Amino acid sequence: NGVIYEGRAGGENAIGAHFSGHNSGTMGVSIMGTYISISPSTAAFENLLEILSWKCSESSIDPLGISFHASSQLTLYNICGHRNGGNTECPGQRLYDLLPLIREEVAIGAPLASPLLVTPEYSSKNLHLPIEFSWNQVDGAAGYRLYVSNSLTGWYSLDGFDMDSIVYDSGTLPGNSTTHLWAPADPGVLQPAKLYYWSVQSEGENGPGFAASPFKFITGLTAPETFEPELMMVDNTPVMRFDWGKVDRATHYRIMVSKSDSGFDPDT
């Protein structure tokens, strides 16, 4: 009837028992029924295409491709039948004969793969605006959309984004773009010393693709405003007073004095 069930408990990518003892590196989808002399229902067939399209896009699998499977030492279609890996009639001749059509339909209807995020790298720290985001292009993408969120849980899903936790939405970016500079006019958009997440979603002719697994980054503190001594002030007294403004969320401060203003790096 087209209802999709979880085959084995344990969440995403639990290892099943569907490929004759060579289950590593495979995904198993079973259609309940016997398809030796009858074909699957329309509902079952359409939802089979949906779940195969989802998994192929999620894992960047070419539905029409052929590849070597290390566990079984076999070279197989990326979408193949149970009998291709074991001594069985499964999935039944009528369903097995549909495999070429299944591969074609999945290739046509599969959402675009998710982009590979590049920078800011995962767990980057001490970031300040403007921030440049970059990612790798996705074949067939007509555009991209970048999101920044203040929450990891529930902020994106298969069908799109939960906008409640989104602090920035780039809108659709050109399909040939691999970078985006975020330089908002309002400096208060990102809070200092706070954890954020970012992701990019590809967009194509068949609608939105999958969003990349989010990268996290931590913003840096704002620079203190210096009051005293003033710029170019000359003071020959043996004791000099330094005065600056308070910075929110700062736990301590560090005063540095240099003979040159070029290359002034607090880390060195």
C-alpha atoms as a PDB file:
ATOM      1  CA  ASN A   1       0.000   0.000   0.000  1.00  0.00           C
ATOM      2  CA  GLY A   2       3.012   2.321  -0.193  1.00  0.00           C
ATOM      3  CA  VAL A   3       3.567   2.733   3.549  1.00  0.00           C
ATOM      4  CA  ILE A   4       7.286   3.032   4.377  1.00  0.00           C
ATOM      5  CA  TYR A   5       8.546   1.285   7.510  1.00  0.00           C
ATOM      6  CA  GLU A   6      11.884   1.364   9.277  1.00  0.00           C
ATOM      7  CA  GLY A   7      13.437  -2.032   8.602  1.00  0.00           C
ATOM      8  CA  ARG A   8      15.813  -2.237  11.534  1.00  0.00           C
ATOM      9  CA  ALA A   9      15.918  -0.123  14.681  1.00  0.00           C
ATOM     10  CA  GLY A  10      18.929   2.030  15.404  1.00  0.00           C
ATOM     11  CA  GLY A  11      18.360   5.182  13.386  1.00  0.00           C
ATOM     12  CA  GLU A  12      20.134   6.172  10.191  1.00  0.00           C
ATOM     13  CA  ASN A  13      22.454   3.612   8.560  1.00  0.00           C
ATOM     14  CA  ALA A  14      21.889   0.717  10.958  1.00  0.00           C
ATOM     15  CA  ILE A  15      23.550  -2.373   9.424  1.00  0.00           C
ATOM     16  CA  GLY A  16      20.889  -4.752   8.139  1.00  0.00           C
ATOM     17  CA  ALA A  17      20.871  -8.415   7.093  1.00  0.00           C
ATOM     18  CA  HIS A  18      19.826  -8.139   3.460  1.00  0.00           C
ATOM     19  CA  PHE A  19      22.885  -8.883   1.318  1.00  0.00           C
ATOM     20  CA  SER A  20      23.933 -12.467   2.012  1.00  0.00           C
ATOM     21  CA  GLY A  21      26.468 -11.681   4.728  1.00  0.00           C
ATOM     22  CA  HIS A  22      28.031  -8.733   2.878  1.00  0.00           C
ATOM     23  CA  ASN A  23      25.910  -5.901   4.220  1.00  0.00           C
ATOM     24  CA  SER A  24      28.623  -3.295   4.821  1.00  0.00           C
ATOM     25  CA  GLY A  25      28.539  -0.517   2.248  1.00  0.00           C
ATOM     26  CA  THR A  26      24.974  -1.243   1.159  1.00  0.00           C
ATOM     27  CA  MET A  27      21.465   0.049   1.799  1.00  0.00           C
ATOM     28  CA  GLY A  28      18.579  -2.399   1.727  1.00  0.00           C
ATOM     29  CA  VAL A  29      15.006  -1.572   0.657  1.00  0.00           C
ATOM     30  CA  SER A  30      12.460  -4.387   0.815  1.00  0.00           C
ATOM     31  CA  ILE A  31       9.036  -4.330  -0.846  1.00  0.00           C
ATOM     32  CA  MET A  32       6.715  -6.635   1.085  1.00  0.00           C
ATOM     33  CA  GLY A  33       5.066  -9.207  -1.146  1.00  0.00           C
ATOM     34  CA  THR A  34       5.935 -11.855  -3.742  1.00  0.00           C
ATOM     35  CA  TYR A  35       6.684 -10.486  -7.206  1.00  0.00           C
ATOM     36  CA  ILE A  36       7.424 -13.600  -9.223  1.00  0.00           C
ATOM     37  CA  SER A  37       4.281 -13.328 -11.332  1.00  0.00           C
ATOM     38  CA  ILE A  38       2.736 -10.009 -10.218  1.00  0.00           C
ATOM     39  CA  SER A  39       4.059  -6.455 -10.207  1.00  0.00           C
ATOM     40  CA  PRO A  40       4.097  -4.132  -7.175  1.00  0.00           C
ATOM     41  CA  SER A  41       1.209  -1.722  -6.701  1.00  0.00           C
ATOM     42  CA  THR A  42       1.461   1.808  -8.042  1.00  0.00           C
ATOM     43  CA  ALA A  43       1.675   3.212  -4.494  1.00  0.00           C
ATOM     44  CA  ALA A  44       4.477   0.828  -3.534  1.00  0.00           C
ATOM     45  CA  PHE A  45       6.397   1.524  -6.743  1.00  0.00           C
ATOM     46  CA  GLU A  46       6.112   5.308  -6.457  1.00  0.00           C
ATOM     47  CA  ASN A  47       7.247   5.331  -2.834  1.00  0.00           C
ATOM     48  CA  LEU A  48      10.111   2.989  -3.706  1.00  0.00           C
ATOM     49  CA  LEU A  49      11.272   5.636  -6.192  1.00  0.00           C
ATOM     50  CA  GLU A  50      10.910   8.327  -3.517  1.00  0.00           C
ATOM     51  CA  ILE A  51      13.028   6.568  -0.916  1.00  0.00           C
ATOM     52  CA  LEU A  52      15.692   5.551  -3.456  1.00  0.00           C
ATOM     53  CA  SER A  53      15.820   9.139  -4.751  1.00  0.00           C
ATOM     54  CA  TRP A  54      16.248  10.409  -1.197  1.00  0.00           C
ATOM     55  CA  LYS A  55      19.065   8.012  -0.299  1.00  0.00           C
ATOM     56  CA  CYS A  56      20.879   8.478  -3.618  1.00  0.00           C
ATOM     57  CA  SER A  57      20.837  12.260  -3.218  1.00  0.00           C
ATOM     58  CA  GLU A  58      21.759  12.135   0.457  1.00  0.00           C
ATOM     59  CA  SER A  59      24.819   9.962  -0.194  1.00  0.00           C
ATOM     60  CA  SER A  60      25.727  11.278  -3.691  1.00  0.00           C
ATOM     61  CA  ILE A  61      25.052   7.904  -5.352  1.00  0.00           C
ATOM     62  CA  ASP A  62      24.658   7.838  -9.147  1.00  0.00           C
ATOM     63  CA  PRO A  63      21.402   5.883  -9.780  1.00  0.00           C
ATOM     64  CA  LEU A  64      22.654   4.852 -13.233  1.00  0.00           C
ATOM     65  CA  GLY A  65      26.177   4.012 -12.121  1.00  0.00           C
ATOM     66  CA  ILE A  66      28.117   0.788 -11.590  1.00  0.00           C
ATOM     67  CA  SER A  67      30.666   0.381  -8.801  1.00  0.00           C
ATOM     68  CA  PHE A  68      32.839  -2.153  -6.993  1.00  0.00           C
ATOM     69  CA  HIS A  69      31.467  -3.436  -3.680  1.00  0.00           C
ATOM     70  CA  ALA A  70      34.415  -4.272  -1.434  1.00  0.00           C
ATOM     71  CA  SER A  71      32.588  -6.544   1.020  1.00  0.00           C
ATOM     72  CA  SER A  72      31.261  -8.948  -1.635  1.00  0.00           C
ATOM     73  CA  GLN A  73      34.079  -8.329  -4.168  1.00  0.00           C
ATOM     74  CA  LEU A  74      31.382  -7.837  -6.828  1.00  0.00           C
ATOM     75  CA  THR A  75      30.961  -5.089  -9.412  1.00  0.00           C
ATOM     76  CA  LEU A  76      27.281  -4.151  -9.359  1.00  0.00           C
ATOM     77  CA  TYR A  77      24.784  -1.570 -10.465  1.00  0.00           C
ATOM     78  CA  ASN A  78      24.409   1.011  -7.710  1.00  0.00           C
ATOM     79  CA  ILE A  79      20.726   0.053  -7.673  1.00  0.00           C
ATOM     80  CA  CYS A  80      20.562  -3.719  -8.012  1.00  0.00           C
ATOM     81  CA  GLY A  81      18.468  -6.703  -6.928  1.00  0.00           C
ATOM     82  CA  HIS A  82      18.956  -9.090  -4.022  1.00  0.00           C
ATOM     83  CA  ARG A  83      19.751 -11.898  -6.464  1.00  0.00           C
ATOM     84  CA  ASN A  84      22.761  -9.951  -7.761  1.00  0.00           C
ATOM     85  CA  GLY A  85      24.486 -10.582  -4.449  1.00  0.00           C
ATOM     86  CA  GLY A  86      23.157 -13.969  -3.378  1.00  0.00           C
ATOM     87  CA  ASN A  87      21.553 -17.257  -4.406  1.00  0.00           C
ATOM     88  CA  THR A  88      17.899 -16.186  -4.367  1.00  0.00           C
ATOM     89  CA  GLU A  89      15.004 -15.330  -6.674  1.00  0.00           C
ATOM     90  CA  CYS A  90      14.430 -12.118  -4.718  1.00  0.00           C
ATOM     91  CA  PRO A  91      13.083  -9.564  -5.535  1.00  0.00           C
ATOM     92  CA  GLY A  92      10.983 -11.672  -7.925  1.00  0.00           C
ATOM     93  CA  GLN A  93      11.238 -11.654 -11.711  1.00  0.00           C
ATOM     94  CA  ARG A  94       8.493  -9.074 -12.285  1.00  0.00           C
ATOM     95  CA  LEU A  95      10.123  -6.579  -9.922  1.00  0.00           C
ATOM     96  CA  TYR A  96      13.638  -7.447 -11.101  1.00  0.00           C
ATOM     97  CA  ASP A  97      12.604  -6.634 -14.681  1.00  0.00           C
ATOM     98  CA  LEU A  98      11.645  -3.143 -13.495  1.00  0.00           C
ATOM     99  CA  LEU A  99      15.158  -2.305 -12.255  1.00  0.00           C
ATOM    100  CA  PRO A 100      16.269  -0.493 -15.464  1.00  0.00           C
ATOM    101  CA  LEU A 101      13.134   1.669 -15.268  1.00  0.00           C
ATOM    102  CA  ILE A 102      13.699   2.257 -11.542  1.00  0.00           C
ATOM    103  CA  ARG A 103      17.241   3.486 -12.204  1.00  0.00           C
ATOM    104  CA  GLU A 104      16.042   5.855 -14.927  1.00  0.00           C
ATOM    105  CA  GLU A 105      13.173   7.241 -12.845  1.00  0.00           C
ATOM    106  CA  VAL A 106      15.367   7.757  -9.786  1.00  0.00           C
ATOM    107  CA  ALA A 107      17.973   9.566 -11.902  1.00  0.00           C
ATOM    108  CA  ILE A 108      15.299  11.902 -13.277  1.00  0.00           C
ATOM    109  CA  GLY A 109      13.482  12.582 -10.028  1.00  0.00           C
ATOM    110  CA  ALA A 110      16.239  12.536  -7.435  1.00  0.00           C
ATOM    111  CA  PRO A 111      16.722  15.814  -5.572  1.00  0.00           C
ATOM    112  CA  LEU A 112      20.113  17.416  -5.926  1.00  0.00           C
ATOM    113  CA  ALA A 113      22.889  16.283  -3.639  1.00  0.00           C
ATOM    114  CA  SER A 114      23.959  18.454  -0.733  1.00  0.00           C
ATOM    115  CA  PRO A 115      26.930  20.823  -1.207  1.00  0.00           C
ATOM    116  CA  LEU A 116      30.215  20.100   0.546  1.00  0.00           C
ATOM    117  CA  LEU A 117      30.894  22.885   3.037  1.00  0.00           C
ATOM    118  CA  VAL A 118      34.415  24.335   3.026  1.00  0.00           C
ATOM    119  CA  THR A 119      34.786  27.505   5.127  1.00  0.00           C
ATOM    120  CA  PRO A 120      34.363  28.519   7.866  1.00  0.00           C
ATOM    121  CA  GLU A 121      35.655  25.106   8.830  1.00  0.00           C
ATOM    122  CA  TYR A 122      33.818  22.960  11.356  1.00  0.00           C
ATOM    123  CA  SER A 123      34.235  24.336  14.897  1.00  0.00           C
ATOM    124  CA  SER A 124      35.863  27.578  13.748  1.00  0.00           C
ATOM    125  CA  LYS A 125      36.293  30.066  16.580  1.00  0.00           C
ATOM    126  CA  ASN A 126      36.631  33.797  17.102  1.00  0.00           C
ATOM    127  CA  LEU A 127      34.823  34.790  13.875  1.00  0.00           C
ATOM    128  CA  HIS A 128      33.866  38.399  13.228  1.00  0.00           C
ATOM    129  CA  LEU A 129      31.654  40.005  10.606  1.00  0.00           C
ATOM    130  CA  PRO A 130      31.944  40.089   7.685  1.00  0.00           C
ATOM    131  CA  ILE A 131      32.120  36.292   7.320  1.00  0.00           C
ATOM    132  CA  GLU A 132      32.874  34.610   3.985  1.00  0.00           C
ATOM    133  CA  PHE A 133      31.205  31.233   3.488  1.00  0.00           C
ATOM    134  CA  SER A 134      32.361  28.809   0.782  1.00  0.00           C
ATOM    135  CA  TRP A 135      31.258  25.418  -0.538  1.00  0.00           C
ATOM    136  CA  ASN A 136      31.781  23.075  -3.488  1.00  0.00           C
ATOM    137  CA  GLN A 137      29.482  23.167  -6.506  1.00  0.00           C
ATOM    138  CA  VAL A 138      26.819  20.499  -7.030  1.00  0.00           C
ATOM    139  CA  ASP A 139      26.297  19.107 -10.548  1.00  0.00           C
ATOM    140  CA  GLY A 140      22.996  20.335 -11.953  1.00  0.00           C
ATOM    141  CA  ALA A 141      22.425  23.031  -9.339  1.00  0.00           C
ATOM    142  CA  ALA A 142      20.706  26.168 -10.636  1.00  0.00           C
ATOM    143  CA  GLY A 143      21.274  28.016  -7.377  1.00  0.00           C
ATOM    144  CA  TYR A 144      22.137  27.778  -3.701  1.00  0.00           C
ATOM    145  CA  ARG A 145      20.717  29.086  -0.450  1.00  0.00           C
ATOM    146  CA  LEU A 146      22.784  29.732   2.660  1.00  0.00           C
ATOM    147  CA  TYR A 147      21.352  29.666   6.168  1.00  0.00           C
ATOM    148  CA  VAL A 148      22.800  30.559   9.563  1.00  0.00           C
ATOM    149  CA  SER A 149      21.006  29.236  12.642  1.00  0.00           C
ATOM    150  CA  ASN A 150      21.338  29.592  16.391  1.00  0.00           C
ATOM    151  CA  SER A 151      20.065  26.045  16.981  1.00  0.00           C
ATOM    152  CA  LEU A 152      21.119  22.633  15.683  1.00  0.00           C
ATOM    153  CA  THR A 153      18.065  20.547  16.631  1.00  0.00           C
ATOM    154  CA  GLY A 154      15.089  20.767  14.337  1.00  0.00           C
ATOM    155  CA  TRP A 155      16.403  23.593  12.203  1.00  0.00           C
ATOM    156  CA  TYR A 156      16.288  21.722   8.910  1.00  0.00           C
ATOM    157  CA  SER A 157      14.561  18.634   7.582  1.00  0.00           C
ATOM    158  CA  LEU A 158      13.975  16.639   4.417  1.00  0.00           C
ATOM    159  CA  ASP A 159      11.260  19.073   3.316  1.00  0.00           C
ATOM    160  CA  GLY A 160      13.136  22.273   4.118  1.00  0.00           C
ATOM    161  CA  PHE A 161      14.051  24.514   6.988  1.00  0.00           C
ATOM    162  CA  ASP A 162      12.399  25.359  10.273  1.00  0.00           C
ATOM    163  CA  MET A 163      12.728  29.122  10.003  1.00  0.00           C
ATOM    164  CA  ASP A 164      12.161  29.830  13.718  1.00  0.00           C
ATOM    165  CA  SER A 165      15.855  29.502  14.526  1.00  0.00           C
ATOM    166  CA  ILE A 166      17.259  31.021  11.322  1.00  0.00           C
ATOM    167  CA  VAL A 167      19.177  34.249  11.924  1.00  0.00           C
ATOM    168  CA  TYR A 168      20.248  34.684   8.288  1.00  0.00           C
ATOM    169  CA  ASP A 169      18.821  33.582   4.931  1.00  0.00           C
ATOM    170  CA  SER A 170      20.842  34.556   1.856  1.00  0.00           C
ATOM    171  CA  GLY A 171      17.993  34.004  -0.580  1.00  0.00           C
ATOM    172  CA  THR A 172      18.757  32.210  -3.853  1.00  0.00           C
ATOM    173  CA  LEU A 173      22.374  32.612  -4.974  1.00  0.00           C
ATOM    174  CA  PRO A 174      23.573  31.963  -8.574  1.00  0.00           C
ATOM    175  CA  GLY A 175      24.253  28.375  -9.625  1.00  0.00           C
ATOM    176  CA  ASN A 176      27.899  29.142 -10.396  1.00  0.00           C
ATOM    177  CA  SER A 177      28.570  30.641  -6.961  1.00  0.00           C
ATOM    178  CA  THR A 178      30.737  28.887  -4.400  1.00  0.00           C
ATOM    179  CA  THR A 179      31.238  31.774  -1.958  1.00  0.00           C
ATOM    180  CA  HIS A 180      29.051  34.289  -0.180  1.00  0.00           C
ATOM    181  CA  LEU A 181      30.145  37.232   1.959  1.00  0.00           C
ATOM    182  CA  TRP A 182      27.845  38.047   4.840  1.00  0.00           C
ATOM    183  CA  ALA A 183      28.333  41.665   5.889  1.00  0.00           C
ATOM    184  CA  PRO A 184      25.066  42.835   7.481  1.00  0.00           C
ATOM    185  CA  ALA A 185      24.545  46.519   8.166  1.00  0.00           C
ATOM    186  CA  ASP A 186      23.369  45.708  11.685  1.00  0.00           C
ATOM    187  CA  PRO A 187      26.394  44.560  13.723  1.00  0.00           C
ATOM    188  CA  GLY A 188      24.075  43.142  16.397  1.00  0.00           C
ATOM    189  CA  VAL A 189      22.809  40.334  14.144  1.00  0.00           C
ATOM    190  CA  LEU A 190      25.376  37.935  15.597  1.00  0.00           C
ATOM    191  CA  GLN A 191      25.942  37.924  19.324  1.00  0.00           C
ATOM    192  CA  PRO A 192      29.565  37.854  20.556  1.00  0.00           C
ATOM    193  CA  ALA A 193      31.058  34.612  21.892  1.00  0.00           C
ATOM    194  CA  LYS A 194      28.030  32.576  20.772  1.00  0.00           C
ATOM    195  CA  LEU A 195      27.679  29.239  18.962  1.00  0.00           C
ATOM    196  CA  TYR A 196      26.035  29.239  15.518  1.00  0.00           C
ATOM    197  CA  TYR A 197      25.460  26.706  12.722  1.00  0.00           C
ATOM    198  CA  TRP A 198      25.518  27.201   8.961  1.00  0.00           C
ATOM    199  CA  SER A 199      24.455  25.136   5.977  1.00  0.00           C
ATOM    200  CA  VAL A 200      23.937  25.469   2.218  1.00  0.00           C
ATOM    201  CA  GLN A 201      21.091  23.943   0.221  1.00  0.00           C
ATOM    202  CA  SER A 202      21.257  23.374  -3.538  1.00  0.00           C
ATOM    203  CA  GLU A 203      18.305  24.267  -5.770  1.00  0.00           C
ATOM    204  CA  GLY A 204      17.447  22.770  -9.151  1.00  0.00           C
ATOM    205  CA  GLU A 205      14.708  22.206 -11.705  1.00  0.00           C
ATOM    206  CA  ASN A 206      13.042  19.591  -9.486  1.00  0.00           C
ATOM    207  CA  GLY A 207      13.004  21.916  -6.477  1.00  0.00           C
ATOM    208  CA  PRO A 208      15.290  22.215  -3.462  1.00  0.00           C
ATOM    209  CA  GLY A 209      18.012  19.627  -2.980  1.00  0.00           C
ATOM    210  CA  PHE A 210      19.354  18.400   0.320  1.00  0.00           C
ATOM    211  CA  ALA A 211      21.005  20.730   2.783  1.00  0.00           C
ATOM    212  CA  ALA A 212      24.560  20.013   3.845  1.00  0.00           C
ATOM    213  CA  SER A 213      25.113  18.717   7.362  1.00  0.00           C
ATOM    214  CA  PRO A 214      25.625  21.913   9.365  1.00  0.00           C
ATOM    215  CA  PHE A 215      29.029  23.242  10.374  1.00  0.00           C
ATOM    216  CA  LYS A 216      29.310  25.119  13.653  1.00  0.00           C
ATOM    217  CA  PHE A 217      31.288  28.235  14.485  1.00  0.00           C
ATOM    218  CA  ILE A 218      31.747  30.518  17.482  1.00  0.00           C
ATOM    219  CA  THR A 219      31.767  34.278  17.127  1.00  0.00           C
ATOM    220  CA  GLY A 220      34.483  36.376  18.714  1.00  0.00           C
ATOM    221  CA  LEU A 221      34.129  39.159  21.241  1.00  0.00           C
ATOM    222  CA  THR A 222      33.881  42.734  20.023  1.00  0.00           C
ATOM    223  CA  ALA A 223      37.044  44.825  20.317  1.00  0.00           C
ATOM    224  CA  PRO A 224      37.179  47.128  23.354  1.00  0.00           C
ATOM    225  CA  GLU A 225      36.867  50.845  22.705  1.00  0.00           C
ATOM    226  CA  THR A 226      40.090  52.543  23.836  1.00  0.00           C
ATOM    227  CA  PHE A 227      39.870  55.866  25.673  1.00  0.00           C
ATOM    228  CA  GLU A 228      43.256  56.623  27.166  1.00  0.00           C
ATOM    229  CA  PRO A 229      46.008  57.222  26.142  1.00  0.00           C
ATOM    230  CA  GLU A 230      44.594  58.912  23.045  1.00  0.00           C
ATOM    231  CA  LEU A 231      45.985  58.444  19.544  1.00  0.00           C
ATOM    232  CA  MET A 232      49.371  60.178  19.071  1.00  0.00           C
ATOM    233  CA  MET A 233      49.425  61.293  22.695  1.00  0.00           C
ATOM    234  CA  VAL A 234      52.909  62.030  24.076  1.00  0.00           C
ATOM    235  CA  ASP A 235      53.389  61.266  27.763  1.00  0.00           C
ATOM    236  CA  ASN A 236      56.792  61.323  29.417  1.00  0.00           C
ATOM    237  CA  THR A 237      55.563  60.407  32.889  1.00  0.00           C
ATOM    238  CA  PRO A 238      56.975  57.159  34.338  1.00  0.00           C
ATOM    239  CA  VAL A 239      53.461  55.768  34.952  1.00  0.00           C
ATOM    240  CA  MET A 240      50.924  55.520  32.102  1.00  0.00           C
ATOM    241  CA  ARG A 241      47.208  54.916  32.556  1.00  0.00           C
ATOM    242  CA  PHE A 242      45.316  52.703  30.068  1.00  0.00           C
ATOM    243  CA  ASP A 243      41.527  53.017  29.931  1.00  0.00           C
ATOM    244  CA  TRP A 244      38.994  51.161  27.746  1.00  0.00           C
ATOM    245  CA  GLY A 245      35.291  50.356  27.500  1.00  0.00           C
ATOM    246  CA  LYS A 246      33.678  47.218  28.894  1.00  0.00           C
ATOM    247  CA  VAL A 247      32.939  44.364  26.460  1.00  0.00           C
ATOM    248  CA  ASP A 248      29.878  42.159  26.975  1.00  0.00           C
ATOM    249  CA  ARG A 249      30.707  38.558  27.954  1.00  0.00           C
ATOM    250  CA  ALA A 250      34.428  39.297  28.371  1.00  0.00           C
ATOM    251  CA  THR A 251      35.958  37.418  31.327  1.00  0.00           C
ATOM    252  CA  HIS A 252      39.314  39.197  31.303  1.00  0.00           C
ATOM    253  CA  TYR A 253      41.411  41.629  29.272  1.00  0.00           C
ATOM    254  CA  ARG A 254      44.984  41.751  27.993  1.00  0.00           C
ATOM    255  CA  ILE A 255      47.015  44.909  27.360  1.00  0.00           C
ATOM    256  CA  MET A 256      49.617  44.757  24.581  1.00  0.00           C
ATOM    257  CA  VAL A 257      52.121  47.464  23.685  1.00  0.00           C
ATOM    258  CA  SER A 258      54.056  47.405  20.411  1.00  0.00           C
ATOM    259  CA  LYS A 259      56.560  49.618  18.589  1.00  0.00           C
ATOM    260  CA  SER A 260      54.639  49.100  15.323  1.00  0.00           C
ATOM    261  CA  ASP A 261      50.965  48.994  14.337  1.00  0.00           C
ATOM    262  CA  SER A 262      51.607  46.665  11.383  1.00  0.00           C
ATOM    263  CA  GLY A 263      50.862  43.012  11.883  1.00  0.00           C
ATOM    264  CA  PHE A 264      49.619  43.507  15.423  1.00  0.00           C
ATOM    265  CA  ASP A 265      48.429  40.004  16.275  1.00  0.00           C
ATOM    266  CA  PRO A 266      47.404  39.154  19.848  1.00  0.00           C
ATOM    267  CA  ASP A 267      48.215  35.490  19.176  1.00  0.00           C
ATOM    268  CA  THR A 268      51.881  36.285  18.456  1.00  0.00           C
END
